[in-house]
């Protein structure tokens, strides 16, 4: 499909720069294609009433790394250059792939000092060597530390990787360390938050449990490429970045049991959706561990999920295409137009929608 079919104009004031408090007060647009009314304005706190006893929610328990590193490039005989590196995939105990700016100013062999100057073993300092260069500003960094020591150093000098549409309008601060992490966060490895999970609180989870709605967890480490606009003119020309995920045998068994007794599988966010669909190629959910680059666009036949809760996404992004695949392209456009007109807050810190598939599915 043509990528420009998924474009839309969003007024800048619709971009949320902070999450609403309390989290349950965020708005929730319920989309039921083929039902009258198709669109219903609700709130996150209404979620227990919108689900039925026996349904199951699936949350992504990945934890966001402070993956944005600021540093200085050192080159013998040359001037220092300020560098920003966004870590996005670990390849060895001491190596990460990163998106660097300005990537063109870096060469293989360059040394970069992240944090304060000095020895990498000192608190507040982290040094690395550029081991390789790829396309689009991607570099491979070999750090002077490895394993847990490297993890601790990144946590010390790194910054939360706020999306560009937030970072361009305000600086990251201490609030973002908590605000950009879901209550489910456990398995460290993401460079972006699974943002639908940001709406959940212990009180909401308790209310869902009282309603008889199960909650299960899977892990998909979100990469930087997931949220980027598609640059190809046609979806056939876009290549998804692979992301690592895991569905445990216990979770697969539990969710299969939910389906067998007629309950619905409702994923919290696009990341959980992509992982569950990757692990259910046979129509039955399997224990799964590995990388997925699944790209869900209109025409895709969903194998396992019955509904999805997700935030409002960027124009021309793979996430808008996933929404259109579930509810239908026309319904997706109507839903987004309604959300813009009705003042919904968009993107990572914004409101959410609860999407049910087209009746024809």
Protein backbone atom coordinates (compact mmCIF):
# COMPACT_ATOMS: atom_id res chain seq x y z
CA UNK A 1 0.00 0.00 0.00
CA UNK A 2 1.07 3.60 -0.54
CA UNK A 3 2.59 5.00 2.64
CA UNK A 4 1.04 8.44 2.07
CA UNK A 5 -2.38 6.91 2.69
CA UNK A 6 -1.40 6.82 6.37
CA UNK A 7 -0.48 10.49 6.57
CA UNK A 8 -2.46 13.08 8.53
CA UNK A 9 -2.04 16.59 9.90
CA UNK A 10 -1.70 16.87 13.68
CA UNK A 11 -1.82 20.30 15.37
CA UNK A 12 1.30 20.68 17.56
CA UNK A 13 -0.84 21.40 20.62
CA UNK A 14 -2.23 17.86 20.43
CA UNK A 15 1.20 16.39 21.30
CA UNK A 16 1.34 15.55 25.02
CA UNK A 17 4.54 16.68 26.74
CA UNK A 18 3.65 15.15 30.13
CA UNK A 19 1.38 12.27 31.16
CA UNK A 20 -1.90 13.25 32.77
CA UNK A 21 -2.30 12.61 36.50
CA UNK A 22 -3.85 10.46 37.77
CA UNK A 23 -3.10 8.04 34.93
CA UNK A 24 -6.63 6.63 34.94
CA UNK A 25 -7.93 10.10 34.02
CA UNK A 26 -6.49 9.84 30.51
CA UNK A 27 -9.09 9.59 27.78
CA UNK A 28 -9.87 6.33 25.96
CA UNK A 29 -11.46 6.26 22.51
CA UNK A 30 -13.30 2.97 22.00
CA UNK A 31 -13.41 1.95 18.32
CA UNK A 32 -15.89 -0.75 17.25
CA UNK A 33 -16.11 -0.83 13.43
CA UNK A 34 -19.50 -1.96 12.17
CA UNK A 35 -21.23 -1.12 15.47
CA UNK A 36 -23.42 1.90 16.13
CA UNK A 37 -21.94 4.06 17.52
CA UNK A 38 -18.59 3.20 16.02
CA UNK A 39 -16.69 5.62 18.28
CA UNK A 40 -17.23 6.10 22.01
CA UNK A 41 -15.44 8.61 24.26
CA UNK A 42 -14.46 7.04 27.58
CA UNK A 43 -11.59 7.17 30.08
CA UNK A 44 -8.88 4.70 31.08
CA UNK A 45 -10.64 4.17 34.43
CA UNK A 46 -13.59 2.71 32.47
CA UNK A 47 -11.51 -0.19 31.15
CA UNK A 48 -12.93 -2.78 33.61
CA UNK A 49 -16.45 -1.97 32.35
CA UNK A 50 -15.35 -2.36 28.72
CA UNK A 51 -13.98 -5.87 29.24
CA UNK A 52 -15.76 -9.02 30.35
CA UNK A 53 -15.00 -11.58 33.05
CA UNK A 54 -12.78 -14.21 31.51
CA UNK A 55 -10.96 -11.80 29.20
CA UNK A 56 -7.18 -11.48 29.49
CA UNK A 57 -4.89 -8.48 29.12
CA UNK A 58 -1.32 -8.96 27.90
CA UNK A 59 1.30 -6.43 29.04
CA UNK A 60 4.88 -5.94 27.87
CA UNK A 61 7.17 -6.02 30.93
CA UNK A 62 10.25 -4.59 29.22
CA UNK A 63 12.13 -1.87 31.09
CA UNK A 64 13.48 1.24 29.37
CA UNK A 65 17.23 1.84 29.52
CA UNK A 66 18.64 5.35 29.90
CA UNK A 67 19.86 4.73 26.38
CA UNK A 68 20.73 8.25 25.18
CA UNK A 69 24.41 9.01 25.76
CA UNK A 70 26.05 12.42 25.29
CA UNK A 71 29.78 12.50 24.69
CA UNK A 72 32.83 13.95 22.96
CA UNK A 73 34.65 12.38 20.02
CA UNK A 74 38.42 12.45 20.46
CA UNK A 75 40.69 12.07 17.43
CA UNK A 76 44.49 12.53 17.57
CA UNK A 77 45.38 15.75 15.85
CA UNK A 78 41.74 16.73 15.39
CA UNK A 79 39.17 18.80 17.22
CA UNK A 80 36.64 17.34 19.62
CA UNK A 81 33.09 16.89 18.35
CA UNK A 82 29.98 16.58 20.50
CA UNK A 83 28.17 13.30 19.85
CA UNK A 84 24.77 11.91 20.81
CA UNK A 85 24.42 8.13 20.65
CA UNK A 86 21.09 6.33 21.03
CA UNK A 87 21.77 2.72 21.99
CA UNK A 88 19.31 0.36 20.34
CA UNK A 89 20.70 -3.19 20.26
CA UNK A 90 23.26 -5.01 22.36
CA UNK A 91 25.46 -7.35 20.32
CA UNK A 92 27.98 -8.49 22.97
CA UNK A 93 28.71 -7.89 26.68
CA UNK A 94 30.78 -4.83 25.72
CA UNK A 95 29.13 -3.80 22.42
CA UNK A 96 26.04 -1.90 21.36
CA UNK A 97 24.64 -0.76 18.04
CA UNK A 98 23.66 2.89 18.27
CA UNK A 99 22.20 5.67 16.15
CA UNK A 100 24.68 8.54 16.28
CA UNK A 101 24.44 12.23 15.58
CA UNK A 102 26.36 13.57 13.75
CA UNK A 103 27.08 10.15 12.26
CA UNK A 104 29.00 11.60 9.32
CA UNK A 105 31.60 13.08 11.68
CA UNK A 106 32.53 9.67 13.07
CA UNK A 107 34.99 7.13 11.68
CA UNK A 108 35.98 3.61 12.64
CA UNK A 109 38.60 3.84 15.38
CA UNK A 110 37.34 7.10 16.87
CA UNK A 111 37.21 7.29 20.65
CA UNK A 112 34.15 8.77 22.36
CA UNK A 113 34.06 9.82 26.01
CA UNK A 114 30.53 9.68 27.40
CA UNK A 115 29.78 11.44 30.68
CA UNK A 116 32.62 13.23 32.44
CA UNK A 117 36.16 13.07 31.14
CA UNK A 118 38.66 10.58 32.40
CA UNK A 119 39.12 6.89 32.98
CA UNK A 120 36.11 4.72 32.12
CA UNK A 121 36.33 3.03 35.51
CA UNK A 122 35.61 6.27 37.31
CA UNK A 123 32.05 7.09 38.33
CA UNK A 124 30.39 9.33 35.77
CA UNK A 125 32.65 8.39 32.85
CA UNK A 126 32.24 5.86 30.06
CA UNK A 127 34.55 5.52 27.06
CA UNK A 128 34.00 3.62 23.83
CA UNK A 129 35.58 2.97 20.43
CA UNK A 130 33.71 3.15 17.13
CA UNK A 131 34.14 -0.38 15.77
CA UNK A 132 31.93 -0.11 12.70
CA UNK A 133 29.60 2.13 10.68
CA UNK A 134 26.35 1.30 8.94
CA UNK A 135 23.67 3.21 7.06
CA UNK A 136 21.60 6.08 8.41
CA UNK A 137 24.04 7.08 11.15
CA UNK A 138 24.25 3.62 12.76
CA UNK A 139 27.53 2.77 14.49
CA UNK A 140 28.84 -0.12 16.55
CA UNK A 141 30.39 0.89 19.87
CA UNK A 142 32.86 -1.22 21.83
CA UNK A 143 32.89 0.04 25.40
CA UNK A 144 35.82 -0.17 27.82
CA UNK A 145 33.47 -1.87 30.28
CA UNK A 146 31.37 -5.00 29.86
CA UNK A 147 28.47 -6.87 31.42
CA UNK A 148 27.07 -5.56 34.69
CA UNK A 149 29.77 -2.90 34.98
CA UNK A 150 28.70 -1.49 31.61
CA UNK A 151 25.03 -1.61 32.62
CA UNK A 152 25.80 0.37 35.78
CA UNK A 153 27.81 2.95 33.87
CA UNK A 154 25.03 3.45 31.29
CA UNK A 155 22.52 3.87 34.11
CA UNK A 156 24.80 6.48 35.66
CA UNK A 157 25.58 8.65 32.62
CA UNK A 158 22.65 7.88 30.31
CA UNK A 159 19.45 9.85 29.75
CA UNK A 160 15.92 8.57 29.24
CA UNK A 161 15.37 8.28 25.48
CA UNK A 162 12.40 10.61 25.16
CA UNK A 163 10.93 10.64 21.65
CA UNK A 164 12.10 13.51 19.42
CA UNK A 165 8.67 15.18 19.42
CA UNK A 166 9.02 15.64 23.21
CA UNK A 167 12.77 16.20 23.43
CA UNK A 168 12.58 18.98 20.81
CA UNK A 169 10.14 20.96 22.96
CA UNK A 170 11.49 20.47 26.48
CA UNK A 171 14.47 19.01 28.28
CA UNK A 172 14.42 15.62 29.97
CA UNK A 173 14.17 15.89 33.76
CA UNK A 174 14.01 13.69 36.84
CA UNK A 175 10.25 13.13 36.44
CA UNK A 176 10.82 11.30 33.17
CA UNK A 177 12.77 8.55 34.95
CA UNK A 178 9.45 7.44 36.46
CA UNK A 179 6.96 8.82 33.93
CA UNK A 180 8.53 6.99 30.97
CA UNK A 181 8.49 3.60 32.72
CA UNK A 182 5.42 1.37 33.01
CA UNK A 183 4.35 -0.27 36.26
CA UNK A 184 5.08 -3.63 34.59
CA UNK A 185 8.73 -2.75 33.81
CA UNK A 186 11.01 -5.59 34.85
CA UNK A 187 13.22 -6.98 32.06
CA UNK A 188 15.68 -4.23 31.11
CA UNK A 189 16.41 -3.80 27.43
CA UNK A 190 14.18 -1.23 25.66
CA UNK A 191 15.14 2.11 24.20
CA UNK A 192 11.53 3.27 24.02
CA UNK A 193 8.58 2.69 26.32
CA UNK A 194 5.66 0.42 25.43
CA UNK A 195 3.49 3.48 25.89
CA UNK A 196 0.03 1.94 26.29
CA UNK A 197 1.30 0.42 29.53
CA UNK A 198 2.00 3.90 30.94
CA UNK A 199 -1.73 4.28 31.68
CA UNK A 200 -1.85 1.43 34.19
CA UNK A 201 -1.67 1.78 37.96
CA UNK A 202 -1.97 -0.77 40.78
CA UNK A 203 -5.49 0.51 41.51
CA UNK A 204 -6.57 -0.06 37.90
CA UNK A 205 -5.03 -3.54 37.86
CA UNK A 206 -6.90 -4.36 41.09
CA UNK A 207 -10.18 -3.17 39.55
CA UNK A 208 -9.57 -5.34 36.49
CA UNK A 209 -8.86 -8.35 38.69
CA UNK A 210 -12.07 -7.73 40.63
CA UNK A 211 -13.90 -7.71 37.30
CA UNK A 212 -12.45 -11.15 36.51
CA UNK A 213 -9.99 -9.96 33.87
CA UNK A 214 -6.66 -11.78 33.87
CA UNK A 215 -3.32 -10.04 33.38
CA UNK A 216 -0.35 -11.79 31.78
CA UNK A 217 3.11 -10.53 30.87
CA UNK A 218 5.40 -11.01 27.91
CA UNK A 219 8.68 -9.30 27.00
CA UNK A 220 9.54 -7.42 23.82
CA UNK A 221 12.53 -5.09 23.96
CA UNK A 222 11.46 -2.07 21.93
CA UNK A 223 13.97 -0.72 19.42
CA UNK A 224 14.30 2.80 18.11
CA UNK A 225 13.11 1.82 14.65
CA UNK A 226 9.62 0.83 15.75
CA UNK A 227 8.37 4.39 16.11
CA UNK A 228 10.08 5.98 13.12
CA UNK A 229 8.05 7.18 10.11
CA UNK A 230 8.31 4.91 7.08
CA UNK A 231 10.49 6.53 4.42
CA UNK A 232 9.62 4.15 1.59
CA UNK A 233 6.84 5.18 -0.80
CA UNK A 234 5.16 1.77 -0.52
CA UNK A 235 4.85 -0.51 2.50
CA UNK A 236 6.44 -3.30 0.44
CA UNK A 237 9.69 -1.32 0.46
CA UNK A 238 9.95 -0.97 4.24
CA UNK A 239 12.12 -3.25 6.37
CA UNK A 240 11.28 -3.53 10.07
CA UNK A 241 14.07 -3.51 12.64
CA UNK A 242 14.22 -6.85 14.45
CA UNK A 243 13.42 -6.79 18.18
CA UNK A 244 14.03 -9.46 20.79
CA UNK A 245 11.08 -10.95 22.66
CA UNK A 246 9.96 -13.84 24.81
CA UNK A 247 6.68 -15.60 25.63
CA UNK A 248 7.08 -18.11 28.46
CA UNK A 249 5.55 -21.58 28.30
CA UNK A 250 3.37 -20.74 31.33
CA UNK A 251 2.02 -17.59 29.68
CA UNK A 252 1.33 -19.38 26.40
CA UNK A 253 -0.55 -22.12 28.24
CA UNK A 254 -2.60 -19.61 30.24
CA UNK A 255 -3.59 -17.55 27.19
CA UNK A 256 -4.48 -20.63 25.17
CA UNK A 257 -6.77 -21.62 28.04
CA UNK A 258 -8.43 -18.19 27.93
CA UNK A 259 -9.13 -18.62 24.21
CA UNK A 260 -10.40 -22.17 24.69
CA UNK A 261 -13.07 -21.07 27.15
CA UNK A 262 -14.21 -18.16 24.99
CA UNK A 263 -12.34 -15.28 26.60
CA UNK A 264 -10.79 -12.49 24.58
CA UNK A 265 -7.08 -11.70 24.34
CA UNK A 266 -6.57 -7.93 24.64
CA UNK A 267 -3.01 -6.72 24.13
CA UNK A 268 -1.71 -3.62 25.90
CA UNK A 269 0.13 -1.89 23.09
CA UNK A 270 1.50 -2.62 19.65
CA UNK A 271 4.63 -4.29 21.02
CA UNK A 272 2.68 -6.98 22.87
CA UNK A 273 0.50 -7.38 19.77
CA UNK A 274 3.44 -7.95 17.44
CA UNK A 275 5.03 -10.45 19.83
CA UNK A 276 1.83 -12.46 20.38
CA UNK A 277 1.17 -12.59 16.65
CA UNK A 278 4.77 -13.68 16.01
CA UNK A 279 4.42 -16.53 18.51
CA UNK A 280 1.10 -17.84 17.17
CA UNK A 281 1.83 -18.73 13.55
CA UNK A 282 -0.15 -21.97 13.93
CA UNK A 283 -3.14 -20.18 15.43
CA UNK A 284 -2.16 -21.46 18.85
CA UNK A 285 0.22 -19.49 21.08
CA UNK A 286 3.58 -21.18 21.56
CA UNK A 287 6.42 -20.59 23.99
CA UNK A 288 8.72 -18.32 22.01
CA UNK A 289 12.12 -16.68 22.37
CA UNK A 290 14.01 -14.79 19.69
CA UNK A 291 13.83 -11.83 17.33
CA UNK A 292 10.81 -10.67 15.38
CA UNK A 293 10.54 -8.24 12.48
CA UNK A 294 6.84 -8.81 11.82
CA UNK A 295 5.26 -5.93 9.86
CA UNK A 296 1.48 -5.82 10.21
CA UNK A 297 -0.38 -3.83 7.54
CA UNK A 298 -3.95 -3.83 6.19
CA UNK A 299 -4.79 -7.23 4.77
CA UNK A 300 -3.06 -9.09 7.59
CA UNK A 301 -5.20 -11.78 9.22
CA UNK A 302 -4.77 -11.71 12.99
CA UNK A 303 -4.07 -15.15 14.42
CA UNK A 304 -4.60 -14.76 18.14
CA UNK A 305 -5.47 -11.33 19.53
CA UNK A 306 -9.07 -10.12 19.79
CA UNK A 307 -8.54 -6.44 20.66
CA UNK A 308 -5.75 -3.98 21.34
CA UNK A 309 -5.33 -0.94 23.57
CA UNK A 310 -2.77 1.51 22.20
CA UNK A 311 -1.85 5.19 22.13
CA UNK A 312 -2.31 7.48 19.12
CA UNK A 313 0.66 7.17 16.81
CA UNK A 314 2.80 9.14 14.38
CA UNK A 315 1.70 9.73 10.77
CA UNK A 316 3.17 7.30 8.24
CA UNK A 317 4.42 5.02 11.03
CA UNK A 318 4.22 1.23 11.11
CA UNK A 319 2.07 1.60 14.23
CA UNK A 320 -0.69 3.51 12.42
CA UNK A 321 -0.58 0.77 9.77
CA UNK A 322 -1.04 -1.86 12.49
CA UNK A 323 -4.08 0.02 13.81
CA UNK A 324 -5.51 0.14 10.28
CA UNK A 325 -4.89 -3.59 9.89
CA UNK A 326 -6.99 -4.32 12.97
CA UNK A 327 -9.94 -1.95 12.59
CA UNK A 328 -9.80 -1.25 8.86
CA UNK A 329 -8.15 1.70 7.13
CA UNK A 330 -11.32 3.78 6.84
CA UNK A 331 -12.19 3.27 10.53
CA UNK A 332 -8.64 4.19 11.51
CA UNK A 333 -8.89 7.46 9.60
CA UNK A 334 -12.28 8.26 11.14
CA UNK A 335 -11.00 7.47 14.62
CA UNK A 336 -7.93 9.67 14.28
CA UNK A 337 -9.94 12.54 12.77
CA UNK A 338 -12.38 12.32 15.68
CA UNK A 339 -9.54 12.23 18.21
CA UNK A 340 -7.95 15.35 16.73
CA UNK A 341 -11.27 17.24 16.60
CA UNK A 342 -12.21 16.14 20.14
CA UNK A 343 -8.93 17.27 21.67
CA UNK A 344 -7.35 13.90 22.47
CA UNK A 345 -3.67 14.03 23.46
CA UNK A 346 -1.33 12.18 21.08
CA UNK A 347 1.80 10.05 21.22
CA UNK A 348 3.80 8.59 24.12
CA UNK A 349 2.43 10.66 26.99
CA UNK A 350 -1.01 11.04 25.42
CA UNK A 351 -4.40 9.34 25.55
CA UNK A 352 -5.26 5.88 24.25
CA UNK A 353 -7.76 3.96 22.18
CA UNK A 354 -9.31 0.53 22.64
CA UNK A 355 -9.59 -1.12 19.24
CA UNK A 356 -11.89 -3.98 18.30
CA UNK A 357 -11.50 -5.63 14.88
CA UNK A 358 -13.75 -5.08 11.90
CA UNK A 359 -16.94 -7.13 12.20
CA UNK A 360 -15.99 -8.89 8.96
CA UNK A 361 -13.05 -10.46 10.78
